[in-house]
Amino acid sequence: MTAAELIRGDRPGRLRLRGDVGLENVRQLWERGRTELAGQRQLEIDLSEVERTDSAGVALLVAWTREAHAGGVVIRFANIPDQIRAIAHVCGVEAILPFPQASENAADNDESSQS
């Protein structure tokens, strides 16, 4: 199991979530995400390094989305792994999450690999 962490990305307003995201660490990640949302106008969270997740991880994304909307922050998730998309679909929350379309996600992955 790889410890999950939320770290600052390569530019302002961009974060990277990586590792194994699950029930055991979502509270800590939620708090960290809330801290990062404060004072932002836009925030992108890159999910390409998430190795494993479960429904608690998807609930975390929903919580961040709600927190962002309540604070007037535009939030976007990039490079969404298939596992996260599948769980969001099964849980019926994919429509409320700011996921790019699959074709946009592929473009995000191309950009990330070139960085």
PDB file of N, CA and C in Angstrom:
ATOM      1  N   MET A   1       0.831  -1.169   0.000  1.00  0.00           N
ATOM      2  CA  MET A   1       0.000   0.000   0.000  1.00  0.00           C
ATOM      3  C   MET A   1       0.886   1.248   0.000  1.00  0.00           C
ATOM      4  N   THR A   2       0.624   2.149  -0.918  1.00  0.00           N
ATOM      5  CA  THR A   2       1.368   3.397  -1.016  1.00  0.00           C
ATOM      6  C   THR A   2       0.591   4.492  -0.299  1.00  0.00           C
ATOM      7  N   ALA A   3       1.246   5.181   0.603  1.00  0.00           N
ATOM      8  CA  ALA A   3       0.585   6.252   1.345  1.00  0.00           C
ATOM      9  C   ALA A   3       0.053   7.306   0.381  1.00  0.00           C
ATOM     10  N   ALA A   4      -1.163   7.741   0.634  1.00  0.00           N
ATOM     11  CA  ALA A   4      -1.765   8.774  -0.203  1.00  0.00           C
ATOM     12  C   ALA A   4      -1.297  10.140   0.257  1.00  0.00           C
ATOM     13  N   GLU A   5      -1.133  11.026  -0.714  1.00  0.00           N
ATOM     14  CA  GLU A   5      -0.789  12.404  -0.380  1.00  0.00           C
ATOM     15  C   GLU A   5      -1.309  13.343  -1.449  1.00  0.00           C
ATOM     16  N   LEU A   6      -1.596  14.537  -1.024  1.00  0.00           N
ATOM     17  CA  LEU A   6      -2.032  15.607  -1.906  1.00  0.00           C
ATOM     18  C   LEU A   6      -0.916  16.635  -1.906  1.00  0.00           C
ATOM     19  N   ILE A   7      -0.302  16.827  -3.068  1.00  0.00           N
ATOM     20  CA  ILE A   7       0.846  17.717  -3.145  1.00  0.00           C
ATOM     21  C   ILE A   7       0.624  18.795  -4.196  1.00  0.00           C
ATOM     22  N   ARG A   8       1.330  19.877  -4.034  1.00  0.00           N
ATOM     23  CA  ARG A   8       1.235  20.965  -5.011  1.00  0.00           C
ATOM     24  C   ARG A   8       1.822  20.511  -6.333  1.00  0.00           C
ATOM     25  N   GLY A   9       1.183  20.958  -7.403  1.00  0.00           N
ATOM     26  CA  GLY A   9       1.600  20.573  -8.737  1.00  0.00           C
ATOM     27  C   GLY A   9       2.673  21.479  -9.302  1.00  0.00           C
ATOM     28  N   ASP A  10       2.807  21.406 -10.609  1.00  0.00           N
ATOM     29  CA  ASP A  10       3.861  22.120 -11.311  1.00  0.00           C
ATOM     30  C   ASP A  10       3.551  23.590 -11.575  1.00  0.00           C
ATOM     31  N   ARG A  11       2.349  24.009 -11.213  1.00  0.00           N
ATOM     32  CA  ARG A  11       1.974  25.415 -11.393  1.00  0.00           C
ATOM     33  C   ARG A  11       0.922  25.784 -10.341  1.00  0.00           C
ATOM     34  N   PRO A  12       0.761  27.074 -10.071  1.00  0.00           N
ATOM     35  CA  PRO A  12      -0.240  27.513  -9.092  1.00  0.00           C
ATOM     36  C   PRO A  12      -1.637  27.033  -9.495  1.00  0.00           C
ATOM     37  N   GLY A  13      -2.427  26.660  -8.501  1.00  0.00           N
ATOM     38  CA  GLY A  13      -3.787  26.204  -8.773  1.00  0.00           C
ATOM     39  C   GLY A  13      -3.878  24.774  -9.252  1.00  0.00           C
ATOM     40  N   ARG A  14      -2.791  24.033  -9.134  1.00  0.00           N
ATOM     41  CA  ARG A  14      -2.799  22.629  -9.569  1.00  0.00           C
ATOM     42  C   ARG A  14      -2.228  21.775  -8.445  1.00  0.00           C
ATOM     43  N   LEU A  15      -2.949  20.703  -8.120  1.00  0.00           N
ATOM     44  CA  LEU A  15      -2.519  19.744  -7.112  1.00  0.00           C
ATOM     45  C   LEU A  15      -2.449  18.364  -7.736  1.00  0.00           C
ATOM     46  N   ARG A  16      -1.695  17.478  -7.082  1.00  0.00           N
ATOM     47  CA  ARG A  16      -1.607  16.080  -7.523  1.00  0.00           C
ATOM     48  C   ARG A  16      -1.976  15.187  -6.352  1.00  0.00           C
ATOM     49  N   LEU A  17      -2.921  14.284  -6.601  1.00  0.00           N
ATOM     50  CA  LEU A  17      -3.289  13.287  -5.608  1.00  0.00           C
ATOM     51  C   LEU A  17      -2.619  11.996  -6.034  1.00  0.00           C
ATOM     52  N   ARG A  18      -1.911  11.363  -5.090  1.00  0.00           N
ATOM     53  CA  ARG A  18      -1.228  10.138  -5.470  1.00  0.00           C
ATOM     54  C   ARG A  18      -1.269   9.110  -4.351  1.00  0.00           C
ATOM     55  N   GLY A  19      -1.065   7.860  -4.744  1.00  0.00           N
ATOM     56  CA  GLY A  19      -1.036   6.767  -3.778  1.00  0.00           C
ATOM     57  C   GLY A  19      -2.363   6.035  -3.701  1.00  0.00           C
ATOM     58  N   ASP A  20      -2.553   5.319  -2.593  1.00  0.00           N
ATOM     59  CA  ASP A  20      -3.765   4.541  -2.332  1.00  0.00           C
ATOM     60  C   ASP A  20      -4.723   5.389  -1.505  1.00  0.00           C
ATOM     61  N   VAL A  21      -5.870   5.703  -2.086  1.00  0.00           N
ATOM     62  CA  VAL A  21      -6.843   6.575  -1.444  1.00  0.00           C
ATOM     63  C   VAL A  21      -8.025   5.728  -0.991  1.00  0.00           C
ATOM     64  N   GLY A  22      -8.271   5.723   0.306  1.00  0.00           N
ATOM     65  CA  GLY A  22      -9.372   4.923   0.824  1.00  0.00           C
ATOM     66  C   GLY A  22      -9.844   5.427   2.170  1.00  0.00           C
ATOM     67  N   LEU A  23     -10.713   4.649   2.770  1.00  0.00           N
ATOM     68  CA  LEU A  23     -11.333   5.020   4.033  1.00  0.00           C
ATOM     69  C   LEU A  23     -10.313   5.399   5.104  1.00  0.00           C
ATOM     70  N   GLU A  24      -9.166   4.746   5.082  1.00  0.00           N
ATOM     71  CA  GLU A  24      -8.165   4.977   6.119  1.00  0.00           C
ATOM     72  C   GLU A  24      -7.495   6.352   6.037  1.00  0.00           C
ATOM     73  N   ASN A  25      -7.615   7.056   4.913  1.00  0.00           N
ATOM     74  CA  ASN A  25      -6.911   8.337   4.813  1.00  0.00           C
ATOM     75  C   ASN A  25      -7.722   9.481   4.211  1.00  0.00           C
ATOM     76  N   VAL A  26      -9.008   9.252   3.909  1.00  0.00           N
ATOM     77  CA  VAL A  26      -9.761  10.333   3.257  1.00  0.00           C
ATOM     78  C   VAL A  26      -9.973  11.545   4.156  1.00  0.00           C
ATOM     79  N   ARG A  27     -10.097  11.338   5.439  1.00  0.00           N
ATOM     80  CA  ARG A  27     -10.302  12.502   6.325  1.00  0.00           C
ATOM     81  C   ARG A  27      -9.097  13.440   6.275  1.00  0.00           C
ATOM     82  N   GLN A  28      -7.915  12.881   6.362  1.00  0.00           N
ATOM     83  CA  GLN A  28      -6.690  13.687   6.292  1.00  0.00           C
ATOM     84  C   GLN A  28      -6.598  14.393   4.931  1.00  0.00           C
ATOM     85  N   LEU A  29      -6.898  13.667   3.857  1.00  0.00           N
ATOM     86  CA  LEU A  29      -6.841  14.255   2.519  1.00  0.00           C
ATOM     87  C   LEU A  29      -7.903  15.338   2.349  1.00  0.00           C
ATOM     88  N   TRP A  30      -9.085  15.121   2.916  1.00  0.00           N
ATOM     89  CA  TRP A  30     -10.158  16.114   2.834  1.00  0.00           C
ATOM     90  C   TRP A  30      -9.715  17.415   3.488  1.00  0.00           C
ATOM     91  N   GLU A  31      -9.133  17.312   4.683  1.00  0.00           N
ATOM     92  CA  GLU A  31      -8.654  18.500   5.387  1.00  0.00           C
ATOM     93  C   GLU A  31      -7.591  19.235   4.575  1.00  0.00           C
ATOM     94  N   ARG A  32      -6.663  18.490   4.017  1.00  0.00           N
ATOM     95  CA  ARG A  32      -5.598  19.096   3.205  1.00  0.00           C
ATOM     96  C   ARG A  32      -6.195  19.796   1.985  1.00  0.00           C
ATOM     97  N   GLY A  33      -7.155  19.142   1.340  1.00  0.00           N
ATOM     98  CA  GLY A  33      -7.813  19.739   0.181  1.00  0.00           C
ATOM     99  C   GLY A  33      -8.562  21.010   0.538  1.00  0.00           C
ATOM    100  N   ARG A  34      -9.246  21.002   1.677  1.00  0.00           N
ATOM    101  CA  ARG A  34      -9.950  22.206   2.136  1.00  0.00           C
ATOM    102  C   ARG A  34      -8.974  23.363   2.337  1.00  0.00           C
ATOM    103  N   THR A  35      -7.828  23.063   2.894  1.00  0.00           N
ATOM    104  CA  THR A  35      -6.802  24.083   3.092  1.00  0.00           C
ATOM    105  C   THR A  35      -6.357  24.667   1.751  1.00  0.00           C
ATOM    106  N   GLU A  36      -6.162  23.789   0.782  1.00  0.00           N
ATOM    107  CA  GLU A  36      -5.714  24.244  -0.542  1.00  0.00           C
ATOM    108  C   GLU A  36      -6.784  25.026  -1.286  1.00  0.00           C
ATOM    109  N   LEU A  37      -8.060  24.729  -1.021  1.00  0.00           N
ATOM    110  CA  LEU A  37      -9.155  25.449  -1.674  1.00  0.00           C
ATOM    111  C   LEU A  37      -9.248  26.899  -1.199  1.00  0.00           C
ATOM    112  N   ALA A  38      -8.869  27.139   0.039  1.00  0.00           N
ATOM    113  CA  ALA A  38      -8.987  28.475   0.615  1.00  0.00           C
ATOM    114  C   ALA A  38      -8.188  29.485  -0.202  1.00  0.00           C
ATOM    115  N   GLY A  39      -8.853  30.540  -0.603  1.00  0.00           N
ATOM    116  CA  GLY A  39      -8.182  31.608  -1.335  1.00  0.00           C
ATOM    117  C   GLY A  39      -7.988  31.354  -2.822  1.00  0.00           C
ATOM    118  N   GLN A  40      -8.437  30.208  -3.307  1.00  0.00           N
ATOM    119  CA  GLN A  40      -8.297  29.900  -4.734  1.00  0.00           C
ATOM    120  C   GLN A  40      -9.524  30.385  -5.507  1.00  0.00           C
ATOM    121  N   ARG A  41      -9.330  30.659  -6.761  1.00  0.00           N
ATOM    122  CA  ARG A  41     -10.451  30.937  -7.674  1.00  0.00           C
ATOM    123  C   ARG A  41     -10.692  29.732  -8.563  1.00  0.00           C
ATOM    124  N   GLN A  42      -9.592  29.049  -8.890  1.00  0.00           N
ATOM    125  CA  GLN A  42      -9.657  27.833  -9.709  1.00  0.00           C
ATOM    126  C   GLN A  42      -8.680  26.828  -9.132  1.00  0.00           C
ATOM    127  N   LEU A  43      -9.055  25.557  -9.243  1.00  0.00           N
ATOM    128  CA  LEU A  43      -8.170  24.502  -8.762  1.00  0.00           C
ATOM    129  C   LEU A  43      -8.343  23.276  -9.637  1.00  0.00           C
ATOM    130  N   GLU A  44      -7.219  22.731 -10.055  1.00  0.00           N
ATOM    131  CA  GLU A  44      -7.225  21.481 -10.815  1.00  0.00           C
ATOM    132  C   GLU A  44      -6.481  20.438  -9.980  1.00  0.00           C
ATOM    133  N   ILE A  45      -7.088  19.267  -9.857  1.00  0.00           N
ATOM    134  CA  ILE A  45      -6.456  18.177  -9.127  1.00  0.00           C
ATOM    135  C   ILE A  45      -6.196  17.039 -10.104  1.00  0.00           C
ATOM    136  N   ASP A  46      -4.927  16.734 -10.287  1.00  0.00           N
ATOM    137  CA  ASP A  46      -4.481  15.676 -11.195  1.00  0.00           C
ATOM    138  C   ASP A  46      -4.553  14.345 -10.438  1.00  0.00           C
ATOM    139  N   LEU A  47      -5.296  13.400 -10.994  1.00  0.00           N
ATOM    140  CA  LEU A  47      -5.504  12.101 -10.348  1.00  0.00           C
ATOM    141  C   LEU A  47      -4.696  10.977 -10.991  1.00  0.00           C
ATOM    142  N   SER A  48      -3.793  11.303 -11.890  1.00  0.00           N
ATOM    143  CA  SER A  48      -3.075  10.271 -12.657  1.00  0.00           C
ATOM    144  C   SER A  48      -2.213   9.355 -11.797  1.00  0.00           C
ATOM    145  N   GLU A  49      -1.833   9.810 -10.603  1.00  0.00           N
ATOM    146  CA  GLU A  49      -0.960   8.997  -9.758  1.00  0.00           C
ATOM    147  C   GLU A  49      -1.710   8.251  -8.651  1.00  0.00           C
ATOM    148  N   VAL A  50      -3.043   8.262  -8.717  1.00  0.00           N
ATOM    149  CA  VAL A  50      -3.822   7.465  -7.767  1.00  0.00           C
ATOM    150  C   VAL A  50      -3.663   6.008  -8.177  1.00  0.00           C
ATOM    151  N   GLU A  51      -3.128   5.209  -7.283  1.00  0.00           N
ATOM    152  CA  GLU A  51      -2.847   3.805  -7.587  1.00  0.00           C
ATOM    153  C   GLU A  51      -4.027   2.891  -7.300  1.00  0.00           C
ATOM    154  N   ARG A  52      -4.784   3.222  -6.240  1.00  0.00           N
ATOM    155  CA  ARG A  52      -5.928   2.411  -5.854  1.00  0.00           C
ATOM    156  C   ARG A  52      -6.890   3.310  -5.098  1.00  0.00           C
ATOM    157  N   THR A  53      -8.178   3.033  -5.253  1.00  0.00           N
ATOM    158  CA  THR A  53      -9.179   3.772  -4.493  1.00  0.00           C
ATOM    159  C   THR A  53     -10.399   2.902  -4.293  1.00  0.00           C
ATOM    160  N   ASP A  54     -11.339   3.430  -3.538  1.00  0.00           N
ATOM    161  CA  ASP A  54     -12.604   2.754  -3.305  1.00  0.00           C
ATOM    162  C   ASP A  54     -13.685   3.832  -3.256  1.00  0.00           C
ATOM    163  N   SER A  55     -14.874   3.481  -2.811  1.00  0.00           N
ATOM    164  CA  SER A  55     -15.955   4.468  -2.798  1.00  0.00           C
ATOM    165  C   SER A  55     -15.650   5.638  -1.866  1.00  0.00           C
ATOM    166  N   ALA A  56     -14.850   5.420  -0.833  1.00  0.00           N
ATOM    167  CA  ALA A  56     -14.464   6.527   0.046  1.00  0.00           C
ATOM    168  C   ALA A  56     -13.630   7.559  -0.717  1.00  0.00           C
ATOM    169  N   GLY A  57     -12.790   7.105  -1.627  1.00  0.00           N
ATOM    170  CA  GLY A  57     -12.003   8.013  -2.448  1.00  0.00           C
ATOM    171  C   GLY A  57     -12.879   8.850  -3.359  1.00  0.00           C
ATOM    172  N   VAL A  58     -13.905   8.224  -3.932  1.00  0.00           N
ATOM    173  CA  VAL A  58     -14.836   8.969  -4.786  1.00  0.00           C
ATOM    174  C   VAL A  58     -15.649   9.942  -3.930  1.00  0.00           C
ATOM    175  N   ALA A  59     -16.036   9.528  -2.732  1.00  0.00           N
ATOM    176  CA  ALA A  59     -16.746  10.436  -1.819  1.00  0.00           C
ATOM    177  C   ALA A  59     -15.885  11.651  -1.490  1.00  0.00           C
ATOM    178  N   LEU A  60     -14.583  11.456  -1.401  1.00  0.00           N
ATOM    179  CA  LEU A  60     -13.653  12.568  -1.168  1.00  0.00           C
ATOM    180  C   LEU A  60     -13.741  13.578  -2.310  1.00  0.00           C
ATOM    181  N   LEU A  61     -13.767  13.098  -3.533  1.00  0.00           N
ATOM    182  CA  LEU A  61     -13.871  13.996  -4.688  1.00  0.00           C
ATOM    183  C   LEU A  61     -15.186  14.765  -4.660  1.00  0.00           C
ATOM    184  N   VAL A  62     -16.266  14.079  -4.274  1.00  0.00           N
ATOM    185  CA  VAL A  62     -17.569  14.744  -4.153  1.00  0.00           C
ATOM    186  C   VAL A  62     -17.502  15.826  -3.074  1.00  0.00           C
ATOM    187  N   ALA A  63     -16.896  15.513  -1.944  1.00  0.00           N
ATOM    188  CA  ALA A  63     -16.784  16.492  -0.845  1.00  0.00           C
ATOM    189  C   ALA A  63     -15.977  17.708  -1.276  1.00  0.00           C
ATOM    190  N   TRP A  64     -14.852  17.477  -1.962  1.00  0.00           N
ATOM    191  CA  TRP A  64     -14.058  18.611  -2.450  1.00  0.00           C
ATOM    192  C   TRP A  64     -14.860  19.450  -3.442  1.00  0.00           C
ATOM    193  N   THR A  65     -15.629  18.785  -4.297  1.00  0.00           N
ATOM    194  CA  THR A  65     -16.440  19.498  -5.292  1.00  0.00           C
ATOM    195  C   THR A  65     -17.470  20.372  -4.594  1.00  0.00           C
ATOM    196  N   ARG A  66     -18.145  19.833  -3.610  1.00  0.00           N
ATOM    197  CA  ARG A  66     -19.151  20.611  -2.861  1.00  0.00           C
ATOM    198  C   ARG A  66     -18.496  21.776  -2.123  1.00  0.00           C
ATOM    199  N   GLU A  67     -17.380  21.513  -1.494  1.00  0.00           N
ATOM    200  CA  GLU A  67     -16.658  22.563  -0.763  1.00  0.00           C
ATOM    201  C   GLU A  67     -16.229  23.682  -1.724  1.00  0.00           C
ATOM    202  N   ALA A  68     -15.738  23.298  -2.889  1.00  0.00           N
ATOM    203  CA  ALA A  68     -15.319  24.289  -3.886  1.00  0.00           C
ATOM    204  C   ALA A  68     -16.505  25.133  -4.340  1.00  0.00           C
ATOM    205  N   HIS A  69     -17.594  24.482  -4.694  1.00  0.00           N
ATOM    206  CA  HIS A  69     -18.769  25.223  -5.161  1.00  0.00           C
ATOM    207  C   HIS A  69     -19.291  26.163  -4.088  1.00  0.00           C
ATOM    208  N   ALA A  70     -19.297  25.724  -2.836  1.00  0.00           N
ATOM    209  CA  ALA A  70     -19.768  26.566  -1.729  1.00  0.00           C
ATOM    210  C   ALA A  70     -18.880  27.800  -1.562  1.00  0.00           C
ATOM    211  N   GLY A  71     -17.596  27.666  -1.879  1.00  0.00           N
ATOM    212  CA  GLY A  71     -16.660  28.779  -1.747  1.00  0.00           C
ATOM    213  C   GLY A  71     -16.442  29.567  -3.024  1.00  0.00           C
ATOM    214  N   GLY A  72     -17.192  29.237  -4.062  1.00  0.00           N
ATOM    215  CA  GLY A  72     -17.049  29.950  -5.334  1.00  0.00           C
ATOM    216  C   GLY A  72     -15.797  29.598  -6.112  1.00  0.00           C
ATOM    217  N   VAL A  73     -15.242  28.421  -5.835  1.00  0.00           N
ATOM    218  CA  VAL A  73     -14.021  27.970  -6.519  1.00  0.00           C
ATOM    219  C   VAL A  73     -14.409  27.049  -7.671  1.00  0.00           C
ATOM    220  N   VAL A  74     -13.805  27.265  -8.820  1.00  0.00           N
ATOM    221  CA  VAL A  74     -13.993  26.363  -9.953  1.00  0.00           C
ATOM    222  C   VAL A  74     -12.991  25.224  -9.778  1.00  0.00           C
ATOM    223  N   ILE A  75     -13.498  24.008  -9.644  1.00  0.00           N
ATOM    224  CA  ILE A  75     -12.628  22.853  -9.443  1.00  0.00           C
ATOM    225  C   ILE A  75     -12.752  21.920 -10.640  1.00  0.00           C
ATOM    226  N   ARG A  76     -11.658  21.277 -10.956  1.00  0.00           N
ATOM    227  CA  ARG A  76     -11.617  20.345 -12.087  1.00  0.00           C
ATOM    228  C   ARG A  76     -10.675  19.205 -11.720  1.00  0.00           C
ATOM    229  N   PHE A  77     -11.081  17.998 -12.076  1.00  0.00           N
ATOM    230  CA  PHE A  77     -10.216  16.836 -11.893  1.00  0.00           C
ATOM    231  C   PHE A  77      -9.668  16.446 -13.252  1.00  0.00           C
ATOM    232  N   ALA A  78      -8.390  16.144 -13.301  1.00  0.00           N
ATOM    233  CA  ALA A  78      -7.729  15.789 -14.562  1.00  0.00           C
ATOM    234  C   ALA A  78      -7.128  14.394 -14.455  1.00  0.00           C
ATOM    235  N   ASN A  79      -6.989  13.757 -15.596  1.00  0.00           N
ATOM    236  CA  ASN A  79      -6.326  12.453 -15.686  1.00  0.00           C
ATOM    237  C   ASN A  79      -6.965  11.424 -14.756  1.00  0.00           C
ATOM    238  N   ILE A  80      -8.263  11.273 -14.901  1.00  0.00           N
ATOM    239  CA  ILE A  80      -9.024  10.401 -14.013  1.00  0.00           C
ATOM    240  C   ILE A  80      -8.811   8.937 -14.385  1.00  0.00           C
ATOM    241  N   PRO A  81      -8.307   8.139 -13.448  1.00  0.00           N
ATOM    242  CA  PRO A  81      -8.134   6.703 -13.723  1.00  0.00           C
ATOM    243  C   PRO A  81      -9.483   6.020 -13.974  1.00  0.00           C
ATOM    244  N   ASP A  82      -9.456   4.975 -14.778  1.00  0.00           N
ATOM    245  CA  ASP A  82     -10.672   4.232 -15.094  1.00  0.00           C
ATOM    246  C   ASP A  82     -11.367   3.720 -13.836  1.00  0.00           C
ATOM    247  N   GLN A  83     -10.605   3.317 -12.832  1.00  0.00           N
ATOM    248  CA  GLN A  83     -11.198   2.802 -11.594  1.00  0.00           C
ATOM    249  C   GLN A  83     -12.076   3.869 -10.926  1.00  0.00           C
ATOM    250  N   ILE A  84     -11.618   5.091 -10.902  1.00  0.00           N
ATOM    251  CA  ILE A  84     -12.398   6.174 -10.293  1.00  0.00           C
ATOM    252  C   ILE A  84     -13.652   6.436 -11.107  1.00  0.00           C
ATOM    253  N   ARG A  85     -13.520   6.467 -12.424  1.00  0.00           N
ATOM    254  CA  ARG A  85     -14.693   6.668 -13.278  1.00  0.00           C
ATOM    255  C   ARG A  85     -15.729   5.564 -13.055  1.00  0.00           C
ATOM    256  N   ALA A  86     -15.262   4.329 -12.959  1.00  0.00           N
ATOM    257  CA  ALA A  86     -16.176   3.194 -12.781  1.00  0.00           C
ATOM    258  C   ALA A  86     -16.902   3.280 -11.440  1.00  0.00           C
ATOM    259  N   ILE A  87     -16.190   3.590 -10.384  1.00  0.00           N
ATOM    260  CA  ILE A  87     -16.818   3.700  -9.059  1.00  0.00           C
ATOM    261  C   ILE A  87     -17.816   4.855  -9.057  1.00  0.00           C
ATOM    262  N   ALA A  88     -17.445   5.988  -9.638  1.00  0.00           N
ATOM    263  CA  ALA A  88     -18.352   7.138  -9.697  1.00  0.00           C
ATOM    264  C   ALA A  88     -19.622   6.777 -10.460  1.00  0.00           C
ATOM    265  N   HIS A  89     -19.469   5.994 -11.529  1.00  0.00           N
ATOM    266  CA  HIS A  89     -20.625   5.569 -12.318  1.00  0.00           C
ATOM    267  C   HIS A  89     -21.539   4.651 -11.499  1.00  0.00           C
ATOM    268  N   VAL A  90     -20.953   3.658 -10.854  1.00  0.00           N
ATOM    269  CA  VAL A  90     -21.733   2.713 -10.046  1.00  0.00           C
ATOM    270  C   VAL A  90     -22.436   3.431  -8.893  1.00  0.00           C
ATOM    271  N   CYS A  91     -21.769   4.412  -8.303  1.00  0.00           N
ATOM    272  CA  CYS A  91     -22.340   5.172  -7.176  1.00  0.00           C
ATOM    273  C   CYS A  91     -23.331   6.238  -7.639  1.00  0.00           C
ATOM    274  N   GLY A  92     -23.397   6.476  -8.946  1.00  0.00           N
ATOM    275  CA  GLY A  92     -24.336   7.452  -9.486  1.00  0.00           C
ATOM    276  C   GLY A  92     -23.949   8.905  -9.245  1.00  0.00           C
ATOM    277  N   VAL A  93     -22.641   9.175  -9.113  1.00  0.00           N
ATOM    278  CA  VAL A  93     -22.210  10.546  -8.834  1.00  0.00           C
ATOM    279  C   VAL A  93     -21.377  11.166  -9.957  1.00  0.00           C
ATOM    280  N   GLU A  94     -21.185  10.442 -11.040  1.00  0.00           N
ATOM    281  CA  GLU A  94     -20.315  10.982 -12.088  1.00  0.00           C
ATOM    282  C   GLU A  94     -20.847  12.276 -12.682  1.00  0.00           C
ATOM    283  N   ALA A  95     -22.157  12.460 -12.678  1.00  0.00           N
ATOM    284  CA  ALA A  95     -22.734  13.676 -13.261  1.00  0.00           C
ATOM    285  C   ALA A  95     -22.448  14.917 -12.413  1.00  0.00           C
ATOM    286  N   ILE A  96     -22.188  14.743 -11.107  1.00  0.00           N
ATOM    287  CA  ILE A  96     -21.932  15.918 -10.267  1.00  0.00           C
ATOM    288  C   ILE A  96     -20.449  16.209 -10.108  1.00  0.00           C
ATOM    289  N   LEU A  97     -19.607  15.320 -10.596  1.00  0.00           N
ATOM    290  CA  LEU A  97     -18.161  15.537 -10.496  1.00  0.00           C
ATOM    291  C   LEU A  97     -17.649  16.240 -11.752  1.00  0.00           C
ATOM    292  N   PRO A  98     -16.748  17.190 -11.585  1.00  0.00           N
ATOM    293  CA  PRO A  98     -16.218  17.920 -12.743  1.00  0.00           C
ATOM    294  C   PRO A  98     -15.139  17.122 -13.480  1.00  0.00           C
ATOM    295  N   PHE A  99     -15.575  16.020 -14.079  1.00  0.00           N
ATOM    296  CA  PHE A  99     -14.676  15.182 -14.871  1.00  0.00           C
ATOM    297  C   PHE A  99     -14.727  15.644 -16.318  1.00  0.00           C
ATOM    298  N   PRO A 100     -13.579  15.708 -16.989  1.00  0.00           N
ATOM    299  CA  PRO A 100     -13.609  15.965 -18.430  1.00  0.00           C
ATOM    300  C   PRO A 100     -14.181  14.740 -19.149  1.00  0.00           C
ATOM    301  N   GLN A 101     -14.620  14.942 -20.351  1.00  0.00           N
ATOM    302  CA  GLN A 101     -15.054  13.811 -21.169  1.00  0.00           C
ATOM    303  C   GLN A 101     -13.865  12.892 -21.407  1.00  0.00           C
ATOM    304  N   ALA A 102     -14.111  11.651 -21.748  1.00  0.00           N
ATOM    305  CA  ALA A 102     -13.032  10.673 -21.942  1.00  0.00           C
ATOM    306  C   ALA A 102     -11.994  11.176 -22.945  1.00  0.00           C
ATOM    307  N   SER A 103     -12.428  11.842 -24.029  1.00  0.00           N
ATOM    308  CA  SER A 103     -11.479  12.339 -25.029  1.00  0.00           C
ATOM    309  C   SER A 103     -10.601  13.447 -24.443  1.00  0.00           C
ATOM    310  N   GLU A 104     -11.180  14.302 -23.589  1.00  0.00           N
ATOM    311  CA  GLU A 104     -10.403  15.346 -22.927  1.00  0.00           C
ATOM    312  C   GLU A 104      -9.430  14.730 -21.941  1.00  0.00           C
ATOM    313  N   ASN A 105      -9.860  13.681 -21.266  1.00  0.00           N
ATOM    314  CA  ASN A 105      -9.001  12.988 -20.302  1.00  0.00           C
ATOM    315  C   ASN A 105      -7.777  12.419 -21.015  1.00  0.00           C
ATOM    316  N   ALA A 106      -7.960  11.879 -22.210  1.00  0.00           N
ATOM    317  CA  ALA A 106      -6.837  11.350 -22.981  1.00  0.00           C
ATOM    318  C   ALA A 106      -5.863  12.466 -23.330  1.00  0.00           C
ATOM    319  N   ALA A 107      -6.393  13.641 -23.671  1.00  0.00           N
ATOM    320  CA  ALA A 107      -5.530  14.783 -23.970  1.00  0.00           C
ATOM    321  C   ALA A 107      -4.764  15.217 -22.724  1.00  0.00           C
ATOM    322  N   ASP A 108      -5.435  15.197 -21.561  1.00  0.00           N
ATOM    323  CA  ASP A 108      -4.751  15.529 -20.309  1.00  0.00           C
ATOM    324  C   ASP A 108      -3.611  14.568 -20.056  1.00  0.00           C
ATOM    325  N   ASN A 109      -3.833  13.286 -20.295  1.00  0.00           N
ATOM    326  CA  ASN A 109      -2.788  12.287 -20.086  1.00  0.00           C
ATOM    327  C   ASN A 109      -1.601  12.532 -21.014  1.00  0.00           C
ATOM    328  N   ASP A 110      -1.876  12.933 -22.240  1.00  0.00           N
ATOM    329  CA  ASP A 110      -0.799  13.242 -23.176  1.00  0.00           C
ATOM    330  C   ASP A 110       0.033  14.415 -22.682  1.00  0.00           C
ATOM    331  N   GLU A 111      -0.642  15.467 -22.173  1.00  0.00           N
ATOM    332  CA  GLU A 111       0.065  16.640 -21.652  1.00  0.00           C
ATOM    333  C   GLU A 111       0.915  16.272 -20.456  1.00  0.00           C
ATOM    334  N   SER A 112       0.389  15.437 -19.561  1.00  0.00           N
ATOM    335  CA  SER A 112       1.109  15.061 -18.364  1.00  0.00           C
ATOM    336  C   SER A 112       2.365  14.263 -18.702  1.00  0.00           C
ATOM    337  N   SER A 113       2.278  13.400 -19.696  1.00  0.00           N
ATOM    338  CA  SER A 113       3.427  12.570 -20.042  1.00  0.00           C
ATOM    339  C   SER A 113       4.517  13.390 -20.713  1.00  0.00           C
ATOM    340  N   GLN A 114       4.155  14.552 -21.262  1.00  0.00           N
ATOM    341  CA  GLN A 114       5.148  15.395 -21.921  1.00  0.00           C
ATOM    342  C   GLN A 114       5.835  16.324 -20.926  1.00  0.00           C
ATOM    343  N   SER A 115       5.236  16.487 -19.732  1.00  0.00           N
ATOM    344  CA  SER A 115       5.810  17.391 -18.716  1.00  0.00           C
ATOM    345  C   SER A 115       7.046  16.823 -18.104  1.00  0.00           C
TER     346      SER A 115
END
